């Protein structure tokens, strides 16, 4: 199992975005030396929730600053982009890194971002499917021509050509609902998921269903990639205390971005699963605390031994191929974040890499 580090940094406007990126780079340069297998960037716009407008641009910088670590996107939100631009940038990063890439895609769940780009959220699913078709055609063929509902591409030569011979196998997509999982299987994409400790049996069934559909449609399947928040400390009580402290601030930043408190996705076609999973809490303190508690339940929290047990639980349920960890909570000092990464590297990584100890 590969273990990666996701770089989500949250700005509550107490510092400039320049300093936010300075912190980002302090972490990024540590990841490879600490023994992690991969480094990942998000894509977000218009708020303090990890303002990274183009993950591939950032990863291109890191391609030159690293030697062997895998570079991943978690995720590129395809409906916001011109497909040809995305493909050219993907191929360029693949070349610059000599194939050290995994591309995660998604369709986004923020009305703020869709409204900012002037795109109808209800078009997201079909836009996503069309762009995936274009990406796969471009990987397999030097020239492409496409006629879809949203994207019409004349006969073009896509250059530069990718470095990786198996780039098709490095494409993953975020999916939570059974309907989305079935769509990703139909498109032949790997699965990118968020852990659900509170619904671990259901998540295990989702993965089994995905594998069944992949074998049916493509005679092949890939193990999923999971991305989780982690709050680790030598002391259990301190880890729990930190997780509670930082989760509250992060939850507020996420609410500004996604507007959970208003259930801003209610009534939006193809987002029914997300809308039904949210209880709008508005100004109700008790409802907000309950939502915050549910948010934190799916984080990995505890001392090193406890973190190993929680990761083992996820592995047994999903047989994940890759686990991506977010160490930096909103409001956490950057040096504390780095110390958490070091502790994980020293006490947890060796166990995860030892099949006999981890089994």
Protein backbone atom coordinates (compact mmCIF):
# COMPACT_ATOMS: atom_id res chain seq x y z
CA UNK A 1 0.00 0.00 0.00
CA UNK A 2 1.28 3.45 -0.94
CA UNK A 3 1.00 6.27 1.59
CA UNK A 4 0.72 9.85 0.38
CA UNK A 5 0.48 13.32 1.82
CA UNK A 6 -2.26 15.68 0.67
CA UNK A 7 -1.52 19.38 0.86
CA UNK A 8 -4.70 21.22 1.79
CA UNK A 9 -3.98 24.52 3.51
CA UNK A 10 -6.75 26.66 4.95
CA UNK A 11 -6.59 30.42 5.17
CA UNK A 12 -8.90 32.10 7.67
CA UNK A 13 -7.55 35.46 6.44
CA UNK A 14 -5.15 35.86 9.37
CA UNK A 15 -2.26 35.83 6.91
CA UNK A 16 -1.63 36.50 3.24
CA UNK A 17 -1.97 33.85 0.59
CA UNK A 18 1.72 34.37 -0.13
CA UNK A 19 2.50 33.11 3.39
CA UNK A 20 0.00 30.29 2.89
CA UNK A 21 2.03 29.09 -0.08
CA UNK A 22 5.26 29.55 1.87
CA UNK A 23 3.84 27.13 4.43
CA UNK A 24 2.76 24.77 1.65
CA UNK A 25 6.30 24.60 0.32
CA UNK A 26 7.76 24.01 3.79
CA UNK A 27 5.66 20.86 3.96
CA UNK A 28 6.14 19.83 0.34
CA UNK A 29 9.91 19.66 0.56
CA UNK A 30 9.66 17.33 3.60
CA UNK A 31 7.31 14.75 2.11
CA UNK A 32 9.81 12.80 0.01
CA UNK A 33 12.54 12.78 2.68
CA UNK A 34 10.06 11.49 5.28
CA UNK A 35 9.43 8.39 3.20
CA UNK A 36 5.96 9.10 1.83
CA UNK A 37 5.19 7.63 -1.58
CA UNK A 38 3.21 10.51 -3.03
CA UNK A 39 2.25 14.17 -2.73
CA UNK A 40 -1.16 15.51 -3.76
CA UNK A 41 -2.75 18.88 -4.44
CA UNK A 42 -6.36 19.96 -4.49
CA UNK A 43 -8.20 22.46 -6.70
CA UNK A 44 -10.36 25.18 -5.17
CA UNK A 45 -11.39 28.73 -6.02
CA UNK A 46 -12.90 31.89 -4.51
CA UNK A 47 -12.41 31.25 -0.77
CA UNK A 48 -9.84 30.45 1.92
CA UNK A 49 -10.45 26.72 1.45
CA UNK A 50 -7.12 25.69 -0.12
CA UNK A 51 -6.99 28.33 -2.88
CA UNK A 52 -5.13 26.32 -5.54
CA UNK A 53 -6.56 27.29 -8.94
CA UNK A 54 -4.45 24.77 -10.87
CA UNK A 55 -3.02 21.70 -9.17
CA UNK A 56 -0.97 20.70 -12.21
CA UNK A 57 0.90 24.02 -12.13
CA UNK A 58 1.85 23.39 -8.52
CA UNK A 59 2.82 19.79 -9.22
CA UNK A 60 4.99 20.89 -12.13
CA UNK A 61 6.99 22.95 -9.64
CA UNK A 62 7.23 19.93 -7.32
CA UNK A 63 8.29 17.69 -10.22
CA UNK A 64 11.51 19.70 -10.37
CA UNK A 65 11.91 19.82 -6.58
CA UNK A 66 11.59 16.03 -6.08
CA UNK A 67 13.22 12.92 -7.51
CA UNK A 68 11.02 9.87 -7.11
CA UNK A 69 7.78 10.72 -5.34
CA UNK A 70 4.44 10.28 -7.14
CA UNK A 71 2.58 13.50 -7.98
CA UNK A 72 -1.21 13.38 -7.77
CA UNK A 73 -4.24 15.61 -8.23
CA UNK A 74 -7.00 15.31 -5.65
CA UNK A 75 -8.82 16.38 -7.74
CA UNK A 76 -9.07 18.26 -11.04
CA UNK A 77 -12.71 19.40 -11.24
CA UNK A 78 -13.30 18.72 -14.92
CA UNK A 79 -16.54 20.64 -15.61
CA UNK A 80 -14.74 23.92 -14.86
CA UNK A 81 -12.10 23.37 -17.54
CA UNK A 82 -11.54 23.31 -21.27
CA UNK A 83 -10.78 19.61 -21.92
CA UNK A 84 -7.93 20.24 -24.37
CA UNK A 85 -6.19 22.52 -21.88
CA UNK A 86 -6.46 19.86 -19.17
CA UNK A 87 -5.06 17.17 -21.47
CA UNK A 88 -2.10 19.28 -22.60
CA UNK A 89 -1.23 20.12 -18.97
CA UNK A 90 -1.56 16.47 -17.93
CA UNK A 91 0.74 15.28 -20.69
CA UNK A 92 3.28 18.00 -19.90
CA UNK A 93 3.39 17.04 -16.20
CA UNK A 94 3.74 13.39 -17.18
CA UNK A 95 6.79 14.30 -19.26
CA UNK A 96 8.36 16.65 -16.70
CA UNK A 97 8.03 14.02 -13.95
CA UNK A 98 8.99 11.08 -16.21
CA UNK A 99 5.73 9.33 -15.46
CA UNK A 100 5.47 10.00 -11.71
CA UNK A 101 1.79 10.91 -11.94
CA UNK A 102 -1.70 9.88 -10.89
CA UNK A 103 -4.62 12.00 -12.01
CA UNK A 104 -7.69 12.22 -9.82
CA UNK A 105 -10.79 13.88 -11.25
CA UNK A 106 -14.07 15.07 -9.80
CA UNK A 107 -17.11 17.16 -10.64
CA UNK A 108 -17.15 19.42 -7.57
CA UNK A 109 -19.80 20.08 -4.92
CA UNK A 110 -19.52 23.84 -4.36
CA UNK A 111 -22.16 26.18 -5.79
CA UNK A 112 -19.77 29.04 -5.03
CA UNK A 113 -17.31 27.71 -7.57
CA UNK A 114 -19.88 26.77 -10.20
CA UNK A 115 -21.52 30.19 -9.95
CA UNK A 116 -18.11 31.85 -10.12
CA UNK A 117 -17.37 30.10 -13.42
CA UNK A 118 -20.89 30.64 -14.74
CA UNK A 119 -21.55 26.93 -15.19
CA UNK A 120 -24.82 25.19 -14.34
CA UNK A 121 -24.19 22.53 -11.68
CA UNK A 122 -26.91 20.35 -13.16
CA UNK A 123 -24.74 19.93 -16.26
CA UNK A 124 -21.80 18.63 -14.22
CA UNK A 125 -22.33 14.89 -14.63
CA UNK A 126 -22.63 14.93 -18.41
CA UNK A 127 -19.81 17.47 -18.78
CA UNK A 128 -17.63 15.20 -16.64
CA UNK A 129 -18.43 12.12 -18.74
CA UNK A 130 -17.72 13.92 -22.01
CA UNK A 131 -14.34 15.22 -20.81
CA UNK A 132 -13.29 11.77 -19.57
CA UNK A 133 -14.13 10.36 -23.00
CA UNK A 134 -12.01 13.10 -24.61
CA UNK A 135 -9.09 12.48 -22.22
CA UNK A 136 -9.06 8.74 -22.88
CA UNK A 137 -9.28 9.22 -26.65
CA UNK A 138 -6.38 11.70 -26.48
CA UNK A 139 -4.20 9.28 -24.53
CA UNK A 140 -4.80 6.49 -27.04
CA UNK A 141 -4.66 8.58 -30.23
CA UNK A 142 -2.36 11.38 -31.33
CA UNK A 143 -5.24 13.08 -33.15
CA UNK A 144 -8.75 13.57 -31.84
CA UNK A 145 -12.12 14.71 -33.08
CA UNK A 146 -15.14 14.85 -30.79
CA UNK A 147 -18.80 15.79 -31.05
CA UNK A 148 -20.70 15.98 -27.77
CA UNK A 149 -23.49 18.01 -26.24
CA UNK A 150 -21.12 20.40 -24.45
CA UNK A 151 -17.77 19.89 -26.18
CA UNK A 152 -17.17 19.96 -29.93
CA UNK A 153 -13.57 19.48 -31.00
CA UNK A 154 -12.36 19.68 -34.60
CA UNK A 155 -9.65 17.32 -35.80
CA UNK A 156 -6.61 18.21 -33.68
CA UNK A 157 -3.16 16.84 -32.94
CA UNK A 158 -2.66 16.71 -29.18
CA UNK A 159 0.91 17.60 -28.25
CA UNK A 160 3.06 16.97 -26.37
CA UNK A 161 2.44 13.24 -26.26
CA UNK A 162 2.52 11.61 -22.80
CA UNK A 163 5.58 9.88 -21.38
CA UNK A 164 3.69 7.07 -19.62
CA UNK A 165 2.70 4.10 -21.76
CA UNK A 166 0.06 3.17 -19.15
CA UNK A 167 -1.43 6.61 -18.48
CA UNK A 168 -4.96 5.23 -18.89
CA UNK A 169 -4.37 3.15 -15.75
CA UNK A 170 -3.44 6.27 -13.76
CA UNK A 171 -6.86 7.92 -14.04
CA UNK A 172 -9.10 7.99 -10.94
CA UNK A 173 -12.32 9.78 -10.04
CA UNK A 174 -14.00 10.82 -6.82
CA UNK A 175 -17.28 9.03 -6.15
CA UNK A 176 -19.49 8.69 -3.09
CA UNK A 177 -23.00 7.75 -4.21
CA UNK A 178 -23.81 4.30 -5.68
CA UNK A 179 -24.89 6.05 -8.88
CA UNK A 180 -21.57 7.90 -9.22
CA UNK A 181 -19.59 4.73 -8.46
CA UNK A 182 -21.47 2.92 -11.25
CA UNK A 183 -20.68 5.77 -13.66
CA UNK A 184 -16.96 5.67 -12.79
CA UNK A 185 -16.93 1.91 -13.36
CA UNK A 186 -18.67 2.41 -16.71
CA UNK A 187 -16.00 4.96 -17.67
CA UNK A 188 -13.24 2.59 -16.56
CA UNK A 189 -11.81 4.92 -13.93
CA UNK A 190 -10.17 4.02 -10.65
CA UNK A 191 -12.08 4.92 -7.49
CA UNK A 192 -11.16 7.88 -5.28
CA UNK A 193 -12.99 7.80 -1.93
CA UNK A 194 -13.31 9.44 1.49
CA UNK A 195 -13.25 7.00 4.46
CA UNK A 196 -16.50 6.38 6.30
CA UNK A 197 -15.67 4.74 9.64
CA UNK A 198 -19.29 5.22 10.71
CA UNK A 199 -20.49 3.34 7.60
CA UNK A 200 -17.58 1.00 7.01
CA UNK A 201 -19.70 -2.01 6.01
CA UNK A 202 -21.64 0.03 3.45
CA UNK A 203 -18.39 1.40 2.03
CA UNK A 204 -17.01 -2.12 1.74
CA UNK A 205 -20.09 -3.11 -0.27
CA UNK A 206 -19.65 -0.07 -2.54
CA UNK A 207 -16.11 -1.19 -3.36
CA UNK A 208 -17.25 -4.77 -4.01
CA UNK A 209 -19.98 -3.50 -6.33
CA UNK A 210 -17.49 -1.28 -8.15
CA UNK A 211 -15.12 -4.23 -8.65
CA UNK A 212 -17.98 -6.38 -9.93
CA UNK A 213 -19.01 -3.71 -12.47
CA UNK A 214 -15.41 -3.16 -13.58
CA UNK A 215 -14.86 -6.86 -14.22
CA UNK A 216 -18.17 -7.05 -16.10
CA UNK A 217 -17.47 -4.03 -18.30
CA UNK A 218 -13.69 -4.00 -18.63
CA UNK A 219 -12.49 -7.41 -17.39
CA UNK A 220 -10.26 -5.50 -15.00
CA UNK A 221 -10.36 -3.38 -11.85
CA UNK A 222 -8.06 -1.34 -9.64
CA UNK A 223 -7.94 -0.97 -5.88
CA UNK A 224 -9.31 2.35 -4.61
CA UNK A 225 -7.43 5.39 -3.37
CA UNK A 226 -8.65 6.79 -0.04
CA UNK A 227 -8.02 10.26 1.33
CA UNK A 228 -8.40 10.96 5.06
CA UNK A 229 -7.67 13.65 7.63
CA UNK A 230 -5.33 12.53 10.38
CA UNK A 231 -4.54 13.99 13.80
CA UNK A 232 -1.72 12.03 15.42
CA UNK A 233 0.09 12.55 18.71
CA UNK A 234 2.10 10.34 21.04
CA UNK A 235 -0.61 11.02 23.63
CA UNK A 236 -4.16 9.84 22.86
CA UNK A 237 -5.87 12.61 24.84
CA UNK A 238 -3.77 15.30 23.14
CA UNK A 239 -4.60 13.91 19.69
CA UNK A 240 -8.33 14.00 20.49
CA UNK A 241 -8.02 17.49 21.95
CA UNK A 242 -6.18 18.78 18.87
CA UNK A 243 -8.65 17.15 16.48
CA UNK A 244 -11.57 18.84 18.25
CA UNK A 245 -9.82 22.20 18.43
CA UNK A 246 -8.78 22.35 14.79
CA UNK A 247 -11.83 20.62 13.32
CA UNK A 248 -14.08 23.43 14.55
CA UNK A 249 -12.10 26.10 12.73
CA UNK A 250 -11.77 24.00 9.60
CA UNK A 251 -15.48 23.19 9.64
CA UNK A 252 -16.30 26.91 9.60
CA UNK A 253 -14.00 27.50 6.61
CA UNK A 254 -15.52 24.55 4.78
CA UNK A 255 -19.02 25.87 5.51
CA UNK A 256 -18.19 29.22 3.92
CA UNK A 257 -17.08 27.31 0.84
CA UNK A 258 -19.74 24.58 0.63
CA UNK A 259 -22.54 26.16 2.72
CA UNK A 260 -23.45 22.96 4.57
CA UNK A 261 -25.41 25.02 7.08
CA UNK A 262 -27.85 26.03 4.33
CA UNK A 263 -27.83 22.71 2.45
CA UNK A 264 -27.05 24.70 -0.66
CA UNK A 265 -27.32 21.61 -2.89
CA UNK A 266 -30.95 20.91 -2.08
CA UNK A 267 -32.95 20.69 -5.30
CA UNK A 268 -29.87 20.55 -7.55
CA UNK A 269 -30.23 17.71 -10.06
CA UNK A 270 -27.59 14.96 -9.84
CA UNK A 271 -26.56 16.14 -6.36
CA UNK A 272 -29.41 14.45 -4.50
CA UNK A 273 -27.07 12.09 -2.62
CA UNK A 274 -25.08 14.99 -1.17
CA UNK A 275 -28.18 17.04 -0.35
CA UNK A 276 -29.81 14.10 1.44
CA UNK A 277 -26.70 13.49 3.54
CA UNK A 278 -26.68 17.05 4.94
CA UNK A 279 -28.79 18.36 7.82
CA UNK A 280 -28.90 22.16 7.46
CA UNK A 281 -28.05 23.56 10.88
CA UNK A 282 -28.27 27.31 10.28
CA UNK A 283 -27.79 29.05 13.64
CA UNK A 284 -28.75 26.00 15.69
CA UNK A 285 -25.72 25.28 17.93
CA UNK A 286 -26.78 21.72 18.80
CA UNK A 287 -27.33 20.76 15.16
CA UNK A 288 -23.99 22.31 14.22
CA UNK A 289 -22.18 20.38 16.96
CA UNK A 290 -23.81 17.18 15.73
CA UNK A 291 -22.70 17.94 12.15
CA UNK A 292 -19.18 18.66 13.39
CA UNK A 293 -19.16 15.39 15.34
CA UNK A 294 -20.20 13.46 12.22
CA UNK A 295 -17.48 15.23 10.24
CA UNK A 296 -14.79 14.23 12.76
CA UNK A 297 -15.93 10.60 13.06
CA UNK A 298 -14.28 9.76 9.76
CA UNK A 299 -10.87 11.18 10.64
CA UNK A 300 -7.94 9.07 11.80
CA UNK A 301 -7.27 10.28 15.35
CA UNK A 302 -5.03 8.98 18.11
CA UNK A 303 -1.55 7.82 19.04
CA UNK A 304 0.57 5.88 16.51
CA UNK A 305 -0.74 2.46 17.58
CA UNK A 306 -4.35 3.64 17.34
CA UNK A 307 -3.73 5.18 13.92
CA UNK A 308 -2.34 1.86 12.65
CA UNK A 309 -5.49 0.07 13.85
CA UNK A 310 -7.77 2.58 12.14
CA UNK A 311 -5.83 2.35 8.88
CA UNK A 312 -5.98 -1.45 9.10
CA UNK A 313 -9.76 -1.20 9.48
CA UNK A 314 -9.96 0.88 6.30
CA UNK A 315 -7.68 -1.51 4.45
CA UNK A 316 -9.68 -4.58 5.45
CA UNK A 317 -12.89 -2.93 4.26
CA UNK A 318 -11.66 -1.49 0.95
CA UNK A 319 -8.31 -3.17 0.10
CA UNK A 320 -7.12 0.30 -0.85
CA UNK A 321 -4.01 0.56 -2.95
CA UNK A 322 -3.17 4.08 -1.80
CA UNK A 323 -3.95 6.10 1.34
CA UNK A 324 -3.58 9.88 1.15
CA UNK A 325 -3.39 11.75 4.45
CA UNK A 326 -4.18 15.38 5.31
CA UNK A 327 -2.02 16.34 8.31
CA UNK A 328 -2.73 20.07 8.29
CA UNK A 329 -5.92 21.24 9.95
CA UNK A 330 -7.11 24.85 9.76
CA UNK A 331 -5.40 26.99 12.37
CA UNK A 332 -2.67 24.43 13.05
CA UNK A 333 0.81 25.88 13.24
CA UNK A 334 2.88 24.71 10.28
CA UNK A 335 5.62 23.35 12.53
CA UNK A 336 3.04 21.27 14.44
CA UNK A 337 1.85 19.88 11.13
CA UNK A 338 5.40 18.91 10.20
CA UNK A 339 5.92 17.29 13.62
CA UNK A 340 2.80 15.18 13.04
CA UNK A 341 4.19 14.06 9.69
CA UNK A 342 7.52 13.17 11.32
CA UNK A 343 5.81 11.15 14.05
CA UNK A 344 3.78 9.27 11.45
CA UNK A 345 6.93 8.66 9.40
CA UNK A 346 8.82 7.28 12.40
CA UNK A 347 6.13 5.26 14.17
CA UNK A 348 3.45 4.34 11.61
CA UNK A 349 5.00 4.14 8.14
CA UNK A 350 7.42 1.29 9.04
CA UNK A 351 4.49 -0.84 10.22
CA UNK A 352 2.38 -0.09 7.15
CA UNK A 353 5.31 -1.05 4.91
CA UNK A 354 5.92 -4.33 6.75
CA UNK A 355 3.42 -6.91 5.48
CA UNK A 356 3.98 -9.22 8.44
CA UNK A 357 3.41 -6.47 11.05
CA UNK A 358 0.45 -4.91 9.22
CA UNK A 359 -1.40 -8.15 8.44
